[in-house]
């Protein structure tokens, strides 16, 4: 790997029940930011060491308090996605 190598991860759809669609773009950017952070900090899961398509990741239900901020929700969803990539 040289300094320009990396992975391309494209998420077509995230389905979140009970989420205000008005916030979807900011929420999506926050998930992207937190997922990139996890990949930097924890590394790329071995399951992604080969070129492949992952059609779906079913994350476990995330329980958050009613007062949870969008950033807190994004962190939890990014963690669930990252964990799902390792399977």
Foldseek 3Di string as FASTA:
>chain_A
DDPPDDDDDDDDDDDDPPDDPVCVVVLVVLLVVLLVVCCVVVNQAPLVPDDDDDPDFDFPDDDDDPPDDSNNVSNVVSVRVRVSSND
